[in-house]
PDB file of N, CA and C in Angstrom:
ATOM      1  N   UNK A   1      52.385  59.431  57.460  1.00  0.00           N
ATOM      2  CA  UNK A   1      51.466  58.304  58.410  1.00  0.00           C
ATOM      3  C   UNK A   1      52.134  57.537  59.151  1.00  0.00           C
ATOM      4  N   UNK A   2      51.644  57.425  60.205  1.00  0.00           N
ATOM      5  CA  UNK A   2      52.682  56.828  61.603  1.00  0.00           C
ATOM      6  C   UNK A   2      52.458  55.101  61.100  1.00  0.00           C
ATOM      7  N   UNK A   3      53.539  54.634  61.715  1.00  0.00           N
ATOM      8  CA  UNK A   3      53.784  53.030  61.153  1.00  0.00           C
ATOM      9  C   UNK A   3      53.021  52.240  61.901  1.00  0.00           C
ATOM     10  N   UNK A   4      52.017  51.209  61.614  1.00  0.00           N
ATOM     11  CA  UNK A   4      51.234  50.746  62.753  1.00  0.00           C
ATOM     12  C   UNK A   4      52.420  49.838  63.574  1.00  0.00           C
ATOM     13  N   UNK A   5      52.051  49.468  64.865  1.00  0.00           N
ATOM     14  CA  UNK A   5      52.754  48.831  65.512  1.00  0.00           C
ATOM     15  C   UNK A   5      52.731  47.524  65.544  1.00  0.00           C
ATOM     16  N   UNK A   6      53.672  46.491  65.195  1.00  0.00           N
ATOM     17  CA  UNK A   6      53.839  45.086  65.013  1.00  0.00           C
ATOM     18  C   UNK A   6      52.997  44.505  66.272  1.00  0.00           C
ATOM     19  N   UNK A   7      52.242  44.818  67.510  1.00  0.00           N
ATOM     20  CA  UNK A   7      51.807  44.645  68.038  1.00  0.00           C
ATOM     21  C   UNK A   7      50.194  45.046  68.102  1.00  0.00           C
ATOM     22  N   UNK A   8      49.540  45.367  67.017  1.00  0.00           N
ATOM     23  CA  UNK A   8      48.503  45.725  66.513  1.00  0.00           C
ATOM     24  C   UNK A   8      47.320  44.133  66.911  1.00  0.00           C
ATOM     25  N   UNK A   9      46.259  44.485  67.265  1.00  0.00           N
ATOM     26  CA  UNK A   9      45.283  43.577  67.517  1.00  0.00           C
ATOM     27  C   UNK A   9      45.706  42.506  68.606  1.00  0.00           C
ATOM     28  N   UNK A  10      45.005  41.644  69.044  1.00  0.00           N
ATOM     29  CA  UNK A  10      44.898  40.866  70.119  1.00  0.00           C
ATOM     30  C   UNK A  10      46.279  39.738  69.848  1.00  0.00           C
ATOM     31  N   UNK A  11      47.068  39.760  71.239  1.00  0.00           N
ATOM     32  CA  UNK A  11      48.075  39.190  71.078  1.00  0.00           C
ATOM     33  C   UNK A  11      47.995  37.610  71.997  1.00  0.00           C
ATOM     34  N   UNK A  12      47.873  36.471  71.217  1.00  0.00           N
ATOM     35  CA  UNK A  12      48.020  34.939  72.183  1.00  0.00           C
ATOM     36  C   UNK A  12      48.874  34.993  72.974  1.00  0.00           C
ATOM     37  N   UNK A  13      48.417  34.595  74.217  1.00  0.00           N
ATOM     38  CA  UNK A  13      49.054  34.712  75.330  1.00  0.00           C
ATOM     39  C   UNK A  13      49.742  33.261  75.338  1.00  0.00           C
ATOM     40  N   UNK A  14      50.898  32.978  76.059  1.00  0.00           N
ATOM     41  CA  UNK A  14      51.505  31.473  76.218  1.00  0.00           C
ATOM     42  C   UNK A  14      50.853  30.574  77.108  1.00  0.00           C
ATOM     43  N   UNK A  15      49.673  30.463  77.603  1.00  0.00           N
ATOM     44  CA  UNK A  15      48.852  29.975  78.319  1.00  0.00           C
ATOM     45  C   UNK A  15      47.853  30.006  78.145  1.00  0.00           C
ATOM     46  N   UNK A  16      46.502  29.105  78.579  1.00  0.00           N
ATOM     47  CA  UNK A  16      45.402  28.862  78.395  1.00  0.00           C
ATOM     48  C   UNK A  16      44.598  28.937  79.568  1.00  0.00           C
ATOM     49  N   UNK A  17      43.041  29.283  79.135  1.00  0.00           N
ATOM     50  CA  UNK A  17      41.892  29.242  80.293  1.00  0.00           C
ATOM     51  C   UNK A  17      42.058  27.891  81.209  1.00  0.00           C
ATOM     52  N   UNK A  18      41.872  27.583  82.050  1.00  0.00           N
ATOM     53  CA  UNK A  18      41.221  26.139  82.939  1.00  0.00           C
ATOM     54  C   UNK A  18      40.494  25.115  81.922  1.00  0.00           C
ATOM     55  N   UNK A  19      39.877  25.930  80.906  1.00  0.00           N
ATOM     56  CA  UNK A  19      39.130  24.873  79.929  1.00  0.00           C
ATOM     57  C   UNK A  19      40.248  24.513  78.590  1.00  0.00           C
ATOM     58  N   UNK A  20      41.129  25.325  78.411  1.00  0.00           N
ATOM     59  CA  UNK A  20      41.817  24.840  77.529  1.00  0.00           C
ATOM     60  C   UNK A  20      42.002  26.010  76.343  1.00  0.00           C
ATOM     61  N   UNK A  21      41.166  26.837  76.616  1.00  0.00           N
ATOM     62  CA  UNK A  21      40.795  27.989  75.787  1.00  0.00           C
ATOM     63  C   UNK A  21      42.050  28.728  75.433  1.00  0.00           C
ATOM     64  N   UNK A  22      42.088  29.224  74.270  1.00  0.00           N
ATOM     65  CA  UNK A  22      43.547  30.212  74.272  1.00  0.00           C
ATOM     66  C   UNK A  22      42.819  31.695  74.637  1.00  0.00           C
ATOM     67  N   UNK A  23      44.266  32.181  75.348  1.00  0.00           N
ATOM     68  CA  UNK A  23      44.048  33.463  76.079  1.00  0.00           C
ATOM     69  C   UNK A  23      44.568  34.583  75.394  1.00  0.00           C
ATOM     70  N   UNK A  24      44.396  35.528  75.098  1.00  0.00           N
ATOM     71  CA  UNK A  24      44.772  36.846  74.235  1.00  0.00           C
ATOM     72  C   UNK A  24      44.793  38.288  74.931  1.00  0.00           C
ATOM     73  N   UNK A  25      45.481  38.700  74.756  1.00  0.00           N
ATOM     74  CA  UNK A  25      45.888  40.303  75.728  1.00  0.00           C
ATOM     75  C   UNK A  25      45.673  41.224  74.020  1.00  0.00           C
ATOM     76  N   UNK A  26      45.257  42.306  74.538  1.00  0.00           N
ATOM     77  CA  UNK A  26      44.843  43.618  73.348  1.00  0.00           C
ATOM     78  C   UNK A  26      45.851  44.652  73.905  1.00  0.00           C
ATOM     79  N   UNK A  27      47.157  44.398  73.311  1.00  0.00           N
ATOM     80  CA  UNK A  27      48.249  45.487  73.719  1.00  0.00           C
ATOM     81  C   UNK A  27      48.886  46.049  72.792  1.00  0.00           C
ATOM     82  N   UNK A  28      49.817  46.692  72.879  1.00  0.00           N
ATOM     83  CA  UNK A  28      50.543  47.651  71.881  1.00  0.00           C
ATOM     84  C   UNK A  28      52.158  46.959  71.941  1.00  0.00           C
ATOM     85  N   UNK A  29      52.397  45.983  72.974  1.00  0.00           N
ATOM     86  CA  UNK A  29      53.688  45.163  73.559  1.00  0.00           C
ATOM     87  C   UNK A  29      53.961  46.006  74.455  1.00  0.00           C
ATOM     88  N   UNK A  30      53.553  46.717  75.074  1.00  0.00           N
ATOM     89  CA  UNK A  30      54.029  47.451  76.490  1.00  0.00           C
ATOM     90  C   UNK A  30      53.594  46.805  77.424  1.00  0.00           C
ATOM     91  N   UNK A  31      53.847  46.929  78.463  1.00  0.00           N
ATOM     92  CA  UNK A  31      53.102  46.781  79.904  1.00  0.00           C
ATOM     93  C   UNK A  31      53.621  45.071  80.633  1.00  0.00           C
ATOM     94  N   UNK A  32      53.119  45.370  81.773  1.00  0.00           N
ATOM     95  CA  UNK A  32      53.447  43.883  82.554  1.00  0.00           C
ATOM     96  C   UNK A  32      52.748  42.700  82.258  1.00  0.00           C
ATOM     97  N   UNK A  33      51.413  42.426  81.757  1.00  0.00           N
ATOM     98  CA  UNK A  33      51.274  41.360  80.894  1.00  0.00           C
ATOM     99  C   UNK A  33      51.902  41.140  79.670  1.00  0.00           C
ATOM    100  N   UNK A  34      52.526  41.877  78.709  1.00  0.00           N
ATOM    101  CA  UNK A  34      53.159  41.762  77.698  1.00  0.00           C
ATOM    102  C   UNK A  34      54.547  41.231  78.084  1.00  0.00           C
ATOM    103  N   UNK A  35      54.861  42.062  79.023  1.00  0.00           N
ATOM    104  CA  UNK A  35      56.386  41.674  79.437  1.00  0.00           C
ATOM    105  C   UNK A  35      56.291  39.611  80.316  1.00  0.00           C
ATOM    106  N   UNK A  36      55.355  39.890  80.927  1.00  0.00           N
ATOM    107  CA  UNK A  36      55.604  38.549  81.378  1.00  0.00           C
ATOM    108  C   UNK A  36      55.241  37.212  80.309  1.00  0.00           C
ATOM    109  N   UNK A  37      54.010  37.796  79.339  1.00  0.00           N
ATOM    110  CA  UNK A  37      54.283  36.654  78.362  1.00  0.00           C
ATOM    111  C   UNK A  37      55.256  36.419  77.571  1.00  0.00           C
ATOM    112  N   UNK A  38      56.260  37.631  77.209  1.00  0.00           N
ATOM    113  CA  UNK A  38      57.850  37.287  76.711  1.00  0.00           C
ATOM    114  C   UNK A  38      58.399  36.385  77.680  1.00  0.00           C
ATOM    115  N   UNK A  39      58.471  36.956  78.945  1.00  0.00           N
ATOM    116  CA  UNK A  39      59.389  36.000  79.891  1.00  0.00           C
ATOM    117  C   UNK A  39      58.924  34.710  79.784  1.00  0.00           C
ATOM    118  N   UNK A  40      57.568  34.293  79.917  1.00  0.00           N
ATOM    119  CA  UNK A  40      56.837  32.871  79.875  1.00  0.00           C
ATOM    120  C   UNK A  40      57.437  32.245  78.760  1.00  0.00           C
ATOM    121  N   UNK A  41      56.954  32.596  77.348  1.00  0.00           N
ATOM    122  CA  UNK A  41      57.567  32.424  75.979  1.00  0.00           C
ATOM    123  C   UNK A  41      59.083  31.872  76.170  1.00  0.00           C
ATOM    124  N   UNK A  42      60.017  32.497  76.744  1.00  0.00           N
ATOM    125  CA  UNK A  42      61.376  32.359  76.974  1.00  0.00           C
ATOM    126  C   UNK A  42      61.708  31.309  77.426  1.00  0.00           C
ATOM    127  N   UNK A  43      61.141  31.257  78.910  1.00  0.00           N
ATOM    128  CA  UNK A  43      61.152  30.165  79.747  1.00  0.00           C
ATOM    129  C   UNK A  43      60.696  28.901  79.012  1.00  0.00           C
ATOM    130  N   UNK A  44      59.811  28.711  78.375  1.00  0.00           N
ATOM    131  CA  UNK A  44      58.868  27.796  77.609  1.00  0.00           C
ATOM    132  C   UNK A  44      59.885  27.102  76.676  1.00  0.00           C
ATOM    133  N   UNK A  45      60.536  28.068  75.713  1.00  0.00           N
ATOM    134  CA  UNK A  45      61.142  27.736  74.724  1.00  0.00           C
ATOM    135  C   UNK A  45      62.874  26.949  75.143  1.00  0.00           C
ATOM    136  N   UNK A  46      63.408  27.957  76.390  1.00  0.00           N
ATOM    137  CA  UNK A  46      64.423  27.195  76.852  1.00  0.00           C
ATOM    138  C   UNK A  46      64.318  25.394  77.557  1.00  0.00           C
ATOM    139  N   UNK A  47      63.086  25.858  78.141  1.00  0.00           N
ATOM    140  CA  UNK A  47      62.532  24.092  78.817  1.00  0.00           C
ATOM    141  C   UNK A  47      62.521  23.163  77.564  1.00  0.00           C
ATOM    142  N   UNK A  48      61.956  23.559  76.507  1.00  0.00           N
ATOM    143  CA  UNK A  48      61.884  22.704  75.361  1.00  0.00           C
ATOM    144  C   UNK A  48      63.534  22.549  75.077  1.00  0.00           C
ATOM    145  N   UNK A  49      64.357  23.289  74.637  1.00  0.00           N
ATOM    146  CA  UNK A  49      65.741  23.132  74.324  1.00  0.00           C
ATOM    147  C   UNK A  49      66.003  21.999  75.170  1.00  0.00           C
ATOM    148  N   UNK A  50      66.017  22.019  76.200  1.00  0.00           N
ATOM    149  CA  UNK A  50      66.828  21.100  77.241  1.00  0.00           C
ATOM    150  C   UNK A  50      66.134  19.734  77.319  1.00  0.00           C
ATOM    151  N   UNK A  51      64.547  20.002  76.973  1.00  0.00           N
ATOM    152  CA  UNK A  51      64.205  18.445  76.830  1.00  0.00           C
ATOM    153  C   UNK A  51      64.440  17.867  75.906  1.00  0.00           C
ATOM    154  N   UNK A  52      64.535  18.490  74.664  1.00  0.00           N
ATOM    155  CA  UNK A  52      65.041  18.169  73.382  1.00  0.00           C
ATOM    156  C   UNK A  52      66.497  17.361  73.274  1.00  0.00           C
ATOM    157  N   UNK A  53      67.431  18.062  74.201  1.00  0.00           N
ATOM    158  CA  UNK A  53      68.796  17.580  74.503  1.00  0.00           C
ATOM    159  C   UNK A  53      68.455  16.145  75.268  1.00  0.00           C
ATOM    160  N   UNK A  54      67.550  16.161  76.214  1.00  0.00           N
ATOM    161  CA  UNK A  54      67.767  14.817  76.843  1.00  0.00           C
ATOM    162  C   UNK A  54      66.943  13.990  76.023  1.00  0.00           C
ATOM    163  N   UNK A  55      66.158  14.140  75.118  1.00  0.00           N
ATOM    164  CA  UNK A  55      65.562  13.104  74.095  1.00  0.00           C
ATOM    165  C   UNK A  55      66.593  12.398  73.769  1.00  0.00           C
ATOM    166  N   UNK A  56      67.121  13.318  72.752  1.00  0.00           N
ATOM    167  CA  UNK A  56      68.482  13.156  72.006  1.00  0.00           C
ATOM    168  C   UNK A  56      69.659  11.923  72.813  1.00  0.00           C
ATOM    169  N   UNK A  57      69.963  12.799  74.496  1.00  0.00           N
ATOM    170  CA  UNK A  57      70.755  11.940  74.827  1.00  0.00           C
ATOM    171  C   UNK A  57      70.326  10.757  75.325  1.00  0.00           C
ATOM    172  N   UNK A  58      69.094  10.519  75.398  1.00  0.00           N
ATOM    173  CA  UNK A  58      68.723   9.293  76.504  1.00  0.00           C
ATOM    174  C   UNK A  58      68.029   7.941  74.723  1.00  0.00           C
ATOM    175  N   UNK A  59      68.145   8.888  73.821  1.00  0.00           N
ATOM    176  CA  UNK A  59      67.607   7.892  72.322  1.00  0.00           C
ATOM    177  C   UNK A  59      69.103   7.575  71.722  1.00  0.00           C
ATOM    178  N   UNK A  60      70.349   8.051  71.804  1.00  0.00           N
ATOM    179  CA  UNK A  60      71.535   8.435  70.924  1.00  0.00           C
ATOM    180  C   UNK A  60      72.153   6.629  71.403  1.00  0.00           C
ATOM    181  N   UNK A  61      72.740   6.422  70.367  1.00  0.00           N
ATOM    182  CA  UNK A  61      73.064   4.934  70.553  1.00  0.00           C
ATOM    183  C   UNK A  61      73.654   4.528  71.858  1.00  0.00           C
ATOM    184  N   UNK A  62      74.022   3.871  72.287  1.00  0.00           N
ATOM    185  CA  UNK A  62      74.331   3.128  73.600  1.00  0.00           C
ATOM    186  C   UNK A  62      74.104   3.841  74.854  1.00  0.00           C
ATOM    187  N   UNK A  63      72.815   4.500  75.139  1.00  0.00           N
ATOM    188  CA  UNK A  63      72.503   5.094  75.654  1.00  0.00           C
ATOM    189  C   UNK A  63      71.748   3.872  76.445  1.00  0.00           C
ATOM    190  N   UNK A  64      71.514   4.039  78.115  1.00  0.00           N
ATOM    191  CA  UNK A  64      70.655   3.226  78.702  1.00  0.00           C
ATOM    192  C   UNK A  64      69.576   3.083  77.895  1.00  0.00           C
ATOM    193  N   UNK A  65      69.112   1.779  78.363  1.00  0.00           N
ATOM    194  CA  UNK A  65      67.748   1.835  77.272  1.00  0.00           C
ATOM    195  C   UNK A  65      66.518   2.061  78.343  1.00  0.00           C
ATOM    196  N   UNK A  66      65.327   3.053  77.703  1.00  0.00           N
ATOM    197  CA  UNK A  66      64.413   3.453  78.869  1.00  0.00           C
ATOM    198  C   UNK A  66      63.379   2.278  79.262  1.00  0.00           C
ATOM    199  N   UNK A  67      62.619   2.340  79.901  1.00  0.00           N
ATOM    200  CA  UNK A  67      61.496   1.465  80.180  1.00  0.00           C
ATOM    201  C   UNK A  67      60.326   2.026  79.500  1.00  0.00           C
ATOM    202  N   UNK A  68      59.212   1.187  79.476  1.00  0.00           N
ATOM    203  CA  UNK A  68      58.218   1.983  78.595  1.00  0.00           C
ATOM    204  C   UNK A  68      57.428   2.982  79.515  1.00  0.00           C
ATOM    205  N   UNK A  69      57.997   3.144  80.881  1.00  0.00           N
ATOM    206  CA  UNK A  69      56.882   4.157  81.518  1.00  0.00           C
ATOM    207  C   UNK A  69      58.332   5.505  81.403  1.00  0.00           C
ATOM    208  N   UNK A  70      59.167   5.101  81.015  1.00  0.00           N
ATOM    209  CA  UNK A  70      60.347   6.370  81.044  1.00  0.00           C
ATOM    210  C   UNK A  70      59.898   6.769  79.544  1.00  0.00           C
ATOM    211  N   UNK A  71      59.949   6.139  78.772  1.00  0.00           N
ATOM    212  CA  UNK A  71      59.306   6.503  77.400  1.00  0.00           C
ATOM    213  C   UNK A  71      58.278   7.095  77.003  1.00  0.00           C
ATOM    214  N   UNK A  72      57.104   6.999  78.095  1.00  0.00           N
ATOM    215  CA  UNK A  72      56.206   7.429  78.282  1.00  0.00           C
ATOM    216  C   UNK A  72      56.068   8.861  78.426  1.00  0.00           C
ATOM    217  N   UNK A  73      56.614   8.589  79.930  1.00  0.00           N
ATOM    218  CA  UNK A  73      56.852  10.081  80.335  1.00  0.00           C
ATOM    219  C   UNK A  73      57.266  10.906  79.226  1.00  0.00           C
ATOM    220  N   UNK A  74      58.227  10.530  78.503  1.00  0.00           N
ATOM    221  CA  UNK A  74      58.932  11.553  77.771  1.00  0.00           C
ATOM    222  C   UNK A  74      58.389  11.884  76.170  1.00  0.00           C
ATOM    223  N   UNK A  75      57.698  11.210  76.154  1.00  0.00           N
ATOM    224  CA  UNK A  75      56.525  11.186  75.012  1.00  0.00           C
ATOM    225  C   UNK A  75      55.701  12.392  75.335  1.00  0.00           C
ATOM    226  N   UNK A  76      55.135  12.197  76.816  1.00  0.00           N
ATOM    227  CA  UNK A  76      54.452  13.163  77.060  1.00  0.00           C
ATOM    228  C   UNK A  76      54.990  14.588  77.231  1.00  0.00           C
ATOM    229  N   UNK A  77      55.951  14.798  77.739  1.00  0.00           N
ATOM    230  CA  UNK A  77      57.055  15.811  77.940  1.00  0.00           C
ATOM    231  C   UNK A  77      57.176  16.205  76.680  1.00  0.00           C
ATOM    232  N   UNK A  78      57.372  15.463  75.715  1.00  0.00           N
ATOM    233  CA  UNK A  78      58.151  16.563  74.299  1.00  0.00           C
ATOM    234  C   UNK A  78      56.584  16.844  73.624  1.00  0.00           C
ATOM    235  N   UNK A  79      55.508  15.815  73.836  1.00  0.00           N
ATOM    236  CA  UNK A  79      54.127  16.790  73.069  1.00  0.00           C
ATOM    237  C   UNK A  79      53.873  17.562  74.181  1.00  0.00           C
ATOM    238  N   UNK A  80      54.039  18.129  75.145  1.00  0.00           N
ATOM    239  CA  UNK A  80      53.644  19.283  75.744  1.00  0.00           C
ATOM    240  C   UNK A  80      54.788  20.353  75.520  1.00  0.00           C
ATOM    241  N   UNK A  81      56.106  20.324  75.251  1.00  0.00           N
ATOM    242  CA  UNK A  81      56.842  21.353  74.869  1.00  0.00           C
ATOM    243  C   UNK A  81      56.620  21.462  73.650  1.00  0.00           C
ATOM    244  N   UNK A  82      56.359  20.382  72.350  1.00  0.00           N
ATOM    245  CA  UNK A  82      56.115  21.051  70.996  1.00  0.00           C
ATOM    246  C   UNK A  82      54.585  21.669  71.033  1.00  0.00           C
ATOM    247  N   UNK A  83      53.740  21.612  72.234  1.00  0.00           N
ATOM    248  CA  UNK A  83      52.271  22.222  72.067  1.00  0.00           C
ATOM    249  C   UNK A  83      52.880  23.682  72.442  1.00  0.00           C
ATOM    250  N   UNK A  84      53.674  23.896  73.335  1.00  0.00           N
ATOM    251  CA  UNK A  84      54.140  25.594  73.840  1.00  0.00           C
ATOM    252  C   UNK A  84      55.361  26.219  72.158  1.00  0.00           C
ATOM    253  N   UNK A  85      55.756  25.340  71.804  1.00  0.00           N
ATOM    254  CA  UNK A  85      56.280  26.034  70.911  1.00  0.00           C
ATOM    255  C   UNK A  85      55.378  26.363  69.724  1.00  0.00           C
ATOM    256  N   UNK A  86      54.771  25.171  69.642  1.00  0.00           N
ATOM    257  CA  UNK A  86      53.620  26.096  68.299  1.00  0.00           C
ATOM    258  C   UNK A  86      52.970  26.987  68.901  1.00  0.00           C
ATOM    259  N   UNK A  87      52.380  27.010  70.282  1.00  0.00           N
ATOM    260  CA  UNK A  87      51.642  28.478  70.583  1.00  0.00           C
ATOM    261  C   UNK A  87      52.828  29.446  70.424  1.00  0.00           C
ATOM    262  N   UNK A  88      53.516  29.492  70.724  1.00  0.00           N
ATOM    263  CA  UNK A  88      54.819  30.704  70.786  1.00  0.00           C
ATOM    264  C   UNK A  88      55.292  31.031  69.283  1.00  0.00           C
ATOM    265  N   UNK A  89      55.133  29.663  68.734  1.00  0.00           N
ATOM    266  CA  UNK A  89      55.340  30.457  66.879  1.00  0.00           C
ATOM    267  C   UNK A  89      54.143  30.881  66.347  1.00  0.00           C
ATOM    268  N   UNK A  90      53.500  30.508  66.741  1.00  0.00           N
ATOM    269  CA  UNK A  90      51.675  31.216  66.695  1.00  0.00           C
ATOM    270  C   UNK A  90      51.692  32.360  66.814  1.00  0.00           C
ATOM    271  N   UNK A  91      51.899  32.256  68.097  1.00  0.00           N
ATOM    272  CA  UNK A  91      51.506  34.127  68.577  1.00  0.00           C
ATOM    273  C   UNK A  91      52.705  35.259  68.071  1.00  0.00           C
ATOM    274  N   UNK A  92      54.000  34.683  67.418  1.00  0.00           N
ATOM    275  CA  UNK A  92      54.716  35.280  67.561  1.00  0.00           C
ATOM    276  C   UNK A  92      54.848  35.755  65.572  1.00  0.00           C
ATOM    277  N   UNK A  93      54.206  35.000  64.798  1.00  0.00           N
ATOM    278  CA  UNK A  93      53.752  35.019  63.279  1.00  0.00           C
ATOM    279  C   UNK A  93      52.580  35.663  63.384  1.00  0.00           C
ATOM    280  N   UNK A  94      51.568  35.796  64.307  1.00  0.00           N
ATOM    281  CA  UNK A  94      50.711  36.936  64.125  1.00  0.00           C
ATOM    282  C   UNK A  94      51.098  38.306  64.544  1.00  0.00           C
ATOM    283  N   UNK A  95      51.844  38.464  65.305  1.00  0.00           N
ATOM    284  CA  UNK A  95      52.559  39.874  65.145  1.00  0.00           C
ATOM    285  C   UNK A  95      53.395  40.458  64.000  1.00  0.00           C
ATOM    286  N   UNK A  96      53.433  39.536  63.070  1.00  0.00           N
ATOM    287  CA  UNK A  96      54.754  39.952  61.866  1.00  0.00           C
ATOM    288  C   UNK A  96      54.366  41.059  61.195  1.00  0.00           C
ATOM    289  N   UNK A  97      54.317  41.658  60.808  1.00  0.00           N
ATOM    290  CA  UNK A  97      53.559  43.029  59.896  1.00  0.00           C
ATOM    291  C   UNK A  97      53.381  42.131  58.524  1.00  0.00           C
ATOM    292  N   UNK A  98      52.206  42.861  57.590  1.00  0.00           N
ATOM    293  CA  UNK A  98      51.821  42.021  56.462  1.00  0.00           C
ATOM    294  C   UNK A  98      53.041  43.193  55.708  1.00  0.00           C
ATOM    295  N   UNK A  99      54.016  42.571  54.922  1.00  0.00           N
ATOM    296  CA  UNK A  99      54.934  43.167  54.001  1.00  0.00           C
ATOM    297  C   UNK A  99      53.983  44.215  52.872  1.00  0.00           C
ATOM    298  N   UNK A 100      52.984  43.187  52.589  1.00  0.00           N
ATOM    299  CA  UNK A 100      52.370  44.348  51.557  1.00  0.00           C
ATOM    300  C   UNK A 100      51.845  45.818  52.178  1.00  0.00           C
ATOM    301  N   UNK A 101      51.108  45.246  53.823  1.00  0.00           N
ATOM    302  CA  UNK A 101      50.337  46.529  54.325  1.00  0.00           C
ATOM    303  C   UNK A 101      52.110  47.660  54.285  1.00  0.00           C
ATOM    304  N   UNK A 102      52.787  46.913  54.792  1.00  0.00           N
ATOM    305  CA  UNK A 102      54.473  48.100  54.743  1.00  0.00           C
ATOM    306  C   UNK A 102      54.543  49.017  53.674  1.00  0.00           C
ATOM    307  N   UNK A 103      54.455  47.661  52.289  1.00  0.00           N
ATOM    308  CA  UNK A 103      55.102  48.694  51.449  1.00  0.00           C
ATOM    309  C   UNK A 103      53.808  49.745  50.797  1.00  0.00           C
ATOM    310  N   UNK A 104      52.478  49.501  51.293  1.00  0.00           N
ATOM    311  CA  UNK A 104      51.381  50.589  51.176  1.00  0.00           C
ATOM    312  C   UNK A 104      51.576  51.783  51.385  1.00  0.00           C
ATOM    313  N   UNK A 105      52.348  51.966  52.860  1.00  0.00           N
ATOM    314  CA  UNK A 105      52.609  53.077  53.775  1.00  0.00           C
ATOM    315  C   UNK A 105      53.767  53.795  53.256  1.00  0.00           C
ATOM    316  N   UNK A 106      54.506  52.842  52.958  1.00  0.00           N
ATOM    317  CA  UNK A 106      56.051  53.438  52.392  1.00  0.00           C
ATOM    318  C   UNK A 106      56.071  54.096  51.363  1.00  0.00           C
ATOM    319  N   UNK A 107      54.949  53.461  50.411  1.00  0.00           N
ATOM    320  CA  UNK A 107      54.994  53.985  48.946  1.00  0.00           C
ATOM    321  C   UNK A 107      53.845  55.467  48.399  1.00  0.00           C
ATOM    322  N   UNK A 108      53.302  55.397  49.344  1.00  0.00           N
ATOM    323  CA  UNK A 108      52.234  56.700  49.140  1.00  0.00           C
ATOM    324  C   UNK A 108      51.006  56.403  49.171  1.00  0.00           C
ATOM    325  N   UNK A 109      50.846  55.179  48.354  1.00  0.00           N
ATOM    326  CA  UNK A 109      49.863  54.925  47.544  1.00  0.00           C
ATOM    327  C   UNK A 109      49.239  55.440  46.699  1.00  0.00           C
ATOM    328  N   UNK A 110      49.904  55.807  45.769  1.00  0.00           N
ATOM    329  CA  UNK A 110      49.371  56.117  44.415  1.00  0.00           C
ATOM    330  C   UNK A 110      50.415  55.576  43.015  1.00  0.00           C
ATOM    331  N   UNK A 111      49.713  55.466  42.042  1.00  0.00           N
ATOM    332  CA  UNK A 111      50.471  54.883  40.742  1.00  0.00           C
ATOM    333  C   UNK A 111      50.322  56.281  39.896  1.00  0.00           C
ATOM    334  N   UNK A 112      50.914  57.081  40.548  1.00  0.00           N
ATOM    335  CA  UNK A 112      50.975  58.779  39.555  1.00  0.00           C
ATOM    336  C   UNK A 112      52.214  58.508  38.713  1.00  0.00           C
TER     337      UNK A 112
END
């Protein structure tokens, strides 16, 4: 029996509709939109890592004290980065094959 693709079913994309609703792609993991989604996820995670470094640097002991406006900006950007990271984690988590399904395929399915 052929092994199921880890991309079976709709894939949660790293962007939403104008109304904020999630976007999905029916894919086998190949194609332009799947590659675009991978690239955007990579950029989002990279930007999140840079923002986290900035937040750590600006809140470290001895750092210049931020104004209320600067802290609000930082909080907003961190909130956006966390939302992006959670969407990427959710999308990737949905694409992890179920170990029980894989065991059933390998075992032949019988208790002989």
